[in-house]
N, C-alpha and C. Protein backbone atom coordinates (compact mmCIF):
# COMPACT_ATOMS: atom_id res chain seq x y z
N MET A 1 19.83 10.38 -64.20
CA MET A 1 19.70 11.48 -65.17
C MET A 1 18.18 11.92 -65.02
N LEU A 2 17.90 13.16 -64.84
CA LEU A 2 16.60 13.67 -64.65
C LEU A 2 16.14 14.41 -65.96
N VAL A 3 14.98 14.10 -66.39
CA VAL A 3 14.37 14.78 -67.55
C VAL A 3 13.43 15.81 -66.93
N ASN A 4 13.76 17.04 -67.06
CA ASN A 4 13.01 18.11 -66.42
C ASN A 4 12.66 19.18 -67.40
N GLU A 5 11.41 19.33 -67.57
CA GLU A 5 10.91 20.46 -68.58
C GLU A 5 11.52 20.27 -69.92
N GLY A 6 11.61 19.01 -70.37
CA GLY A 6 12.07 18.79 -71.74
C GLY A 6 13.62 18.87 -71.74
N LYS A 7 14.32 19.07 -70.67
CA LYS A 7 15.80 19.14 -70.66
C LYS A 7 16.34 17.90 -69.82
N LEU A 8 17.44 17.43 -70.21
CA LEU A 8 18.13 16.34 -69.44
C LEU A 8 19.07 17.05 -68.43
N THR A 9 18.97 16.59 -67.18
CA THR A 9 19.88 17.13 -66.19
C THR A 9 20.66 15.90 -65.52
N GLN A 10 21.93 15.97 -65.52
CA GLN A 10 22.66 14.91 -64.87
C GLN A 10 22.81 15.22 -63.43
N GLU A 11 22.28 14.30 -62.60
CA GLU A 11 22.33 14.55 -61.17
C GLU A 11 22.55 13.21 -60.47
N TYR A 12 23.58 13.20 -59.65
CA TYR A 12 23.94 11.88 -58.94
C TYR A 12 23.31 11.93 -57.60
N VAL A 13 22.48 10.98 -57.34
CA VAL A 13 21.78 10.83 -56.04
C VAL A 13 21.99 9.34 -55.51
N LYS A 14 21.89 9.25 -54.27
CA LYS A 14 21.93 7.91 -53.64
C LYS A 14 20.46 7.26 -53.86
N VAL A 15 20.53 6.09 -54.40
CA VAL A 15 19.24 5.48 -54.83
C VAL A 15 18.22 5.37 -53.82
N TYR A 16 18.73 5.17 -52.51
CA TYR A 16 17.65 5.05 -51.48
C TYR A 16 17.03 6.42 -51.13
N SER A 17 17.68 7.50 -51.54
CA SER A 17 17.01 8.80 -51.36
C SER A 17 15.73 8.91 -52.21
N LEU A 18 15.60 8.07 -53.21
CA LEU A 18 14.36 8.12 -54.02
C LEU A 18 13.20 7.40 -53.30
N GLN A 19 13.43 6.74 -52.19
CA GLN A 19 12.51 6.07 -51.37
C GLN A 19 11.44 7.04 -50.87
N GLN A 20 11.82 8.26 -50.70
CA GLN A 20 10.81 9.25 -50.09
C GLN A 20 9.74 9.70 -51.19
N TYR A 21 9.83 9.22 -52.38
CA TYR A 21 8.86 9.59 -53.43
C TYR A 21 8.10 8.39 -53.92
N PRO A 22 6.85 8.53 -54.29
CA PRO A 22 6.22 7.41 -55.04
C PRO A 22 6.85 7.35 -56.36
N ILE A 23 6.99 6.07 -56.73
CA ILE A 23 7.61 5.80 -58.01
C ILE A 23 6.67 5.15 -59.00
N GLY A 24 6.51 5.60 -60.14
CA GLY A 24 5.61 5.11 -61.16
C GLY A 24 6.42 4.50 -62.30
N VAL A 25 5.94 3.42 -62.82
CA VAL A 25 6.52 2.72 -63.96
C VAL A 25 5.55 3.02 -65.17
N PRO A 26 6.04 3.83 -66.01
CA PRO A 26 5.12 4.23 -67.21
C PRO A 26 4.70 3.04 -68.06
N ILE A 27 3.63 3.24 -68.71
CA ILE A 27 3.08 2.22 -69.59
C ILE A 27 4.09 1.72 -70.71
N PHE A 28 4.92 2.64 -71.11
CA PHE A 28 5.89 2.27 -72.25
C PHE A 28 7.01 1.39 -71.75
N GLN A 29 7.17 1.17 -70.50
CA GLN A 29 8.23 0.32 -69.92
C GLN A 29 7.89 -1.16 -70.17
N ARG A 30 8.85 -1.97 -70.48
CA ARG A 30 8.53 -3.35 -70.56
C ARG A 30 8.30 -3.88 -69.16
N PHE A 31 7.63 -5.04 -69.15
CA PHE A 31 7.33 -5.72 -67.87
C PHE A 31 8.64 -6.09 -67.26
N TYR A 32 8.51 -6.34 -65.91
CA TYR A 32 9.67 -6.89 -65.24
C TYR A 32 10.06 -8.25 -65.72
N ASP A 33 11.28 -8.38 -66.21
CA ASP A 33 11.71 -9.69 -66.73
C ASP A 33 13.08 -10.14 -66.54
N TRP A 34 13.62 -9.66 -65.30
CA TRP A 34 14.97 -10.13 -65.00
C TRP A 34 14.82 -11.62 -64.64
N LYS A 35 15.87 -12.34 -65.13
CA LYS A 35 15.92 -13.85 -64.82
C LYS A 35 16.99 -14.07 -63.69
N ASP A 36 17.10 -15.35 -63.35
CA ASP A 36 17.96 -15.66 -62.31
C ASP A 36 19.37 -15.09 -62.46
N ASN A 37 19.94 -15.04 -63.59
CA ASN A 37 21.26 -14.59 -63.81
C ASN A 37 21.43 -13.13 -63.40
N GLU A 38 20.47 -12.27 -63.84
CA GLU A 38 20.61 -10.91 -63.55
C GLU A 38 20.38 -10.68 -61.99
N ILE A 39 19.48 -11.34 -61.40
CA ILE A 39 19.13 -11.21 -60.04
C ILE A 39 20.32 -11.68 -59.16
N ILE A 40 20.93 -12.77 -59.48
CA ILE A 40 22.12 -13.34 -58.80
C ILE A 40 23.22 -12.34 -58.89
N GLN A 41 23.53 -11.84 -60.01
CA GLN A 41 24.71 -10.92 -60.17
C GLN A 41 24.40 -9.58 -59.38
N PHE A 42 23.21 -9.13 -59.37
CA PHE A 42 22.76 -7.94 -58.56
C PHE A 42 23.02 -8.28 -57.19
N LYS A 43 22.59 -9.38 -56.72
CA LYS A 43 22.75 -9.79 -55.26
C LYS A 43 24.29 -9.88 -54.92
N GLU A 44 25.05 -10.51 -55.85
CA GLU A 44 26.38 -10.68 -55.59
C GLU A 44 27.14 -9.28 -55.45
N ASP A 45 26.77 -8.30 -56.31
CA ASP A 45 27.32 -7.04 -56.23
C ASP A 45 26.95 -6.32 -54.87
N LEU A 46 25.81 -6.55 -54.38
CA LEU A 46 25.40 -5.99 -53.07
C LEU A 46 26.17 -6.68 -51.98
N LEU A 47 26.44 -7.94 -52.14
CA LEU A 47 27.13 -8.67 -51.01
C LEU A 47 28.58 -8.16 -51.02
N LYS A 48 29.16 -7.85 -52.11
CA LYS A 48 30.61 -7.35 -52.17
C LYS A 48 30.65 -6.05 -51.31
N VAL A 49 29.69 -5.13 -51.46
CA VAL A 49 29.73 -3.88 -50.71
C VAL A 49 29.53 -4.13 -49.27
N ILE A 50 28.76 -5.15 -48.92
CA ILE A 50 28.56 -5.41 -47.42
C ILE A 50 29.82 -6.02 -46.97
N ASP A 51 30.51 -6.87 -47.67
CA ASP A 51 31.73 -7.50 -47.18
C ASP A 51 32.92 -6.59 -47.18
N ASP A 52 32.88 -5.57 -48.05
CA ASP A 52 34.02 -4.68 -48.21
C ASP A 52 33.53 -3.25 -48.29
N GLN A 53 33.52 -2.55 -47.23
CA GLN A 53 32.97 -1.15 -47.26
C GLN A 53 33.73 -0.19 -48.14
N SER A 54 34.96 -0.58 -48.62
CA SER A 54 35.62 0.28 -49.46
C SER A 54 35.13 0.25 -50.95
N VAL A 55 34.30 -0.90 -51.19
CA VAL A 55 33.81 -1.12 -52.51
C VAL A 55 32.54 -0.23 -52.67
N GLN A 56 32.45 0.44 -53.83
CA GLN A 56 31.22 1.21 -54.04
C GLN A 56 30.48 0.49 -55.12
N LEU A 57 29.16 0.57 -54.99
CA LEU A 57 28.27 -0.10 -55.92
C LEU A 57 27.69 0.99 -56.87
N TYR A 58 27.79 0.85 -58.13
CA TYR A 58 27.31 1.78 -59.14
C TYR A 58 26.18 1.15 -59.78
N PHE A 59 24.99 1.67 -59.58
CA PHE A 59 23.72 1.13 -60.18
C PHE A 59 23.50 1.46 -61.64
N LEU A 60 24.46 2.10 -62.24
CA LEU A 60 24.27 2.64 -63.56
C LEU A 60 23.35 3.81 -63.52
N ASP A 61 23.06 4.30 -64.63
CA ASP A 61 22.28 5.57 -64.66
C ASP A 61 20.72 5.13 -64.58
N PHE A 62 19.99 5.92 -63.84
CA PHE A 62 18.60 5.82 -63.94
C PHE A 62 18.11 7.03 -64.73
N ILE A 63 17.14 6.85 -65.59
CA ILE A 63 16.62 8.03 -66.20
C ILE A 63 15.17 8.18 -65.78
N TYR A 64 14.85 9.23 -65.20
CA TYR A 64 13.55 9.38 -64.74
C TYR A 64 13.03 10.85 -64.94
N TYR A 65 11.79 11.04 -64.75
CA TYR A 65 11.18 12.32 -64.81
C TYR A 65 10.05 12.38 -63.80
N GLU A 66 9.62 13.55 -63.47
CA GLU A 66 8.59 13.82 -62.54
C GLU A 66 7.25 14.14 -63.30
N GLU A 67 6.17 13.46 -62.84
CA GLU A 67 4.88 13.64 -63.47
C GLU A 67 3.80 13.19 -62.45
N ASP A 68 2.77 13.93 -62.33
CA ASP A 68 1.64 13.62 -61.44
C ASP A 68 2.06 13.30 -60.03
N GLY A 69 3.17 14.04 -59.51
CA GLY A 69 3.63 13.84 -58.12
C GLY A 69 4.37 12.55 -57.90
N LYS A 70 4.77 11.93 -59.01
CA LYS A 70 5.55 10.70 -59.00
C LYS A 70 6.86 10.80 -59.74
N ILE A 71 7.91 10.05 -59.36
CA ILE A 71 9.05 9.81 -60.16
C ILE A 71 8.74 8.71 -61.17
N LYS A 72 8.87 8.97 -62.39
CA LYS A 72 8.57 7.92 -63.41
C LYS A 72 9.90 7.47 -64.02
N PHE A 73 10.13 6.12 -64.08
CA PHE A 73 11.45 5.68 -64.60
C PHE A 73 11.33 5.36 -66.02
N ALA A 74 12.13 6.03 -66.79
CA ALA A 74 12.21 5.77 -68.21
C ALA A 74 13.33 4.71 -68.41
N ASP A 75 14.20 4.58 -67.55
CA ASP A 75 15.26 3.52 -67.52
C ASP A 75 15.67 3.20 -66.04
N GLY A 76 15.78 2.00 -65.70
CA GLY A 76 16.13 1.55 -64.41
C GLY A 76 15.09 0.85 -63.56
N GLN A 77 13.95 0.55 -64.22
CA GLN A 77 12.91 -0.14 -63.49
C GLN A 77 13.32 -1.45 -63.03
N GLN A 78 14.03 -2.26 -63.87
CA GLN A 78 14.41 -3.63 -63.40
C GLN A 78 15.30 -3.63 -62.20
N ARG A 79 16.22 -2.55 -62.07
CA ARG A 79 17.11 -2.53 -60.90
C ARG A 79 16.39 -2.09 -59.69
N ILE A 80 15.47 -1.10 -59.77
CA ILE A 80 14.75 -0.53 -58.61
C ILE A 80 13.75 -1.63 -58.15
N VAL A 81 13.09 -2.28 -59.00
CA VAL A 81 12.20 -3.34 -58.61
C VAL A 81 12.88 -4.53 -57.93
N THR A 82 14.01 -4.87 -58.53
CA THR A 82 14.77 -5.99 -57.90
C THR A 82 15.38 -5.63 -56.45
N LEU A 83 15.71 -4.43 -56.38
CA LEU A 83 16.24 -3.93 -55.01
C LEU A 83 14.99 -3.92 -54.11
N ASN A 84 13.90 -3.50 -54.42
CA ASN A 84 12.70 -3.54 -53.58
C ASN A 84 12.37 -4.97 -53.23
N ASN A 85 12.47 -5.85 -54.18
CA ASN A 85 12.18 -7.29 -53.83
C ASN A 85 13.14 -7.76 -52.82
N LEU A 86 14.40 -7.46 -52.98
CA LEU A 86 15.43 -7.93 -52.03
C LEU A 86 15.20 -7.35 -50.54
N ILE A 87 14.73 -6.08 -50.55
CA ILE A 87 14.45 -5.51 -49.27
C ILE A 87 13.28 -6.23 -48.63
N LYS A 88 12.35 -6.55 -49.48
CA LYS A 88 11.13 -7.28 -48.94
C LYS A 88 11.52 -8.62 -48.42
N VAL A 89 12.39 -9.33 -49.01
CA VAL A 89 12.85 -10.65 -48.66
C VAL A 89 13.55 -10.58 -47.32
N ILE A 90 14.43 -9.60 -47.19
CA ILE A 90 15.26 -9.42 -46.04
C ILE A 90 14.31 -9.10 -44.78
N LYS A 91 13.39 -8.25 -45.07
CA LYS A 91 12.32 -7.96 -43.99
C LYS A 91 11.52 -9.18 -43.60
N ASP A 92 11.12 -9.96 -44.49
CA ASP A 92 10.34 -11.16 -44.27
C ASP A 92 11.13 -12.20 -43.47
N VAL A 93 12.40 -12.49 -43.91
CA VAL A 93 13.15 -13.45 -43.22
C VAL A 93 13.56 -12.94 -41.81
N ALA A 94 13.81 -11.78 -41.62
CA ALA A 94 14.12 -11.14 -40.37
C ALA A 94 12.93 -11.31 -39.39
N SER A 95 11.81 -11.03 -39.97
CA SER A 95 10.54 -11.17 -39.16
C SER A 95 10.27 -12.62 -38.75
N GLU A 96 10.35 -13.52 -39.68
CA GLU A 96 10.11 -14.94 -39.50
C GLU A 96 11.04 -15.55 -38.50
N GLN A 97 12.35 -15.09 -38.48
CA GLN A 97 13.32 -15.71 -37.62
C GLN A 97 13.56 -14.79 -36.46
N SER A 98 12.72 -13.85 -36.19
CA SER A 98 12.79 -12.88 -35.01
C SER A 98 14.33 -12.28 -34.94
N ILE A 99 14.73 -11.78 -36.03
CA ILE A 99 16.06 -11.12 -36.11
C ILE A 99 15.74 -9.67 -36.11
N GLN A 100 16.45 -8.97 -35.17
CA GLN A 100 16.20 -7.51 -35.14
C GLN A 100 17.12 -6.79 -36.16
N ILE A 101 16.56 -6.07 -36.98
CA ILE A 101 17.30 -5.32 -37.99
C ILE A 101 16.74 -3.89 -38.02
N GLU A 102 17.65 -2.96 -38.48
CA GLU A 102 17.17 -1.66 -38.65
C GLU A 102 15.94 -1.58 -39.63
N GLU A 103 15.03 -0.71 -39.25
CA GLU A 103 13.81 -0.69 -40.18
C GLU A 103 14.21 -0.18 -41.51
N ILE A 104 13.76 -0.97 -42.60
CA ILE A 104 14.03 -0.65 -43.93
C ILE A 104 12.71 -0.48 -44.66
N ASP A 105 12.54 0.71 -45.20
CA ASP A 105 11.24 0.88 -45.86
C ASP A 105 11.34 0.52 -47.33
N LEU A 106 10.24 -0.03 -47.85
CA LEU A 106 10.10 -0.39 -49.22
C LEU A 106 9.96 0.82 -50.10
N PHE A 107 10.30 0.80 -51.35
CA PHE A 107 9.98 1.86 -52.22
C PHE A 107 8.50 1.75 -52.62
N ASP A 108 7.84 2.85 -52.81
CA ASP A 108 6.40 2.86 -53.21
C ASP A 108 6.31 2.91 -54.69
N ILE A 109 6.16 1.64 -55.25
CA ILE A 109 6.24 1.46 -56.72
C ILE A 109 4.85 1.06 -57.19
N SER A 110 4.44 1.75 -58.20
CA SER A 110 3.11 1.35 -58.86
C SER A 110 3.38 1.40 -60.35
N TYR A 111 2.48 0.68 -61.11
CA TYR A 111 2.54 0.57 -62.48
C TYR A 111 1.37 1.33 -63.16
N ASP A 112 1.62 2.09 -64.18
CA ASP A 112 0.60 2.82 -64.91
C ASP A 112 -0.30 1.91 -65.62
C-alpha cells in the first residue's frame, strides 16, 4: 500500500522491485526485533516456494511512502530487513564455498 500525497493507493508490486530504491526506516518504527520463531517461519515459507514453484509467497501488505528520495516503510520493516539478511547470508556462504550463484543485490536500507 502506498501513501501518496495524503492518499492511500493499493498497488501490488514484487518485493524485489523495491530493490532499485533506497529504503528508509522512519524514526517512529520500532527497532528490528524478530526472534528465531519469526525468522525460521519466514525461511520455511521461502523454502516452500523454492521447492514447489506453483506455491506463491505472500509477504502481506507493506505500507510505505516516498520522502526525500527514499521509500519509507510505515509497515513491513521486519520482513524487508529479514529478507535482506537472508540474501546477505546466501551471498556470504556462496562466496566462502566458491559456489557460483546469480548475482543478488542487497536492499539499500538505512535508519533515520
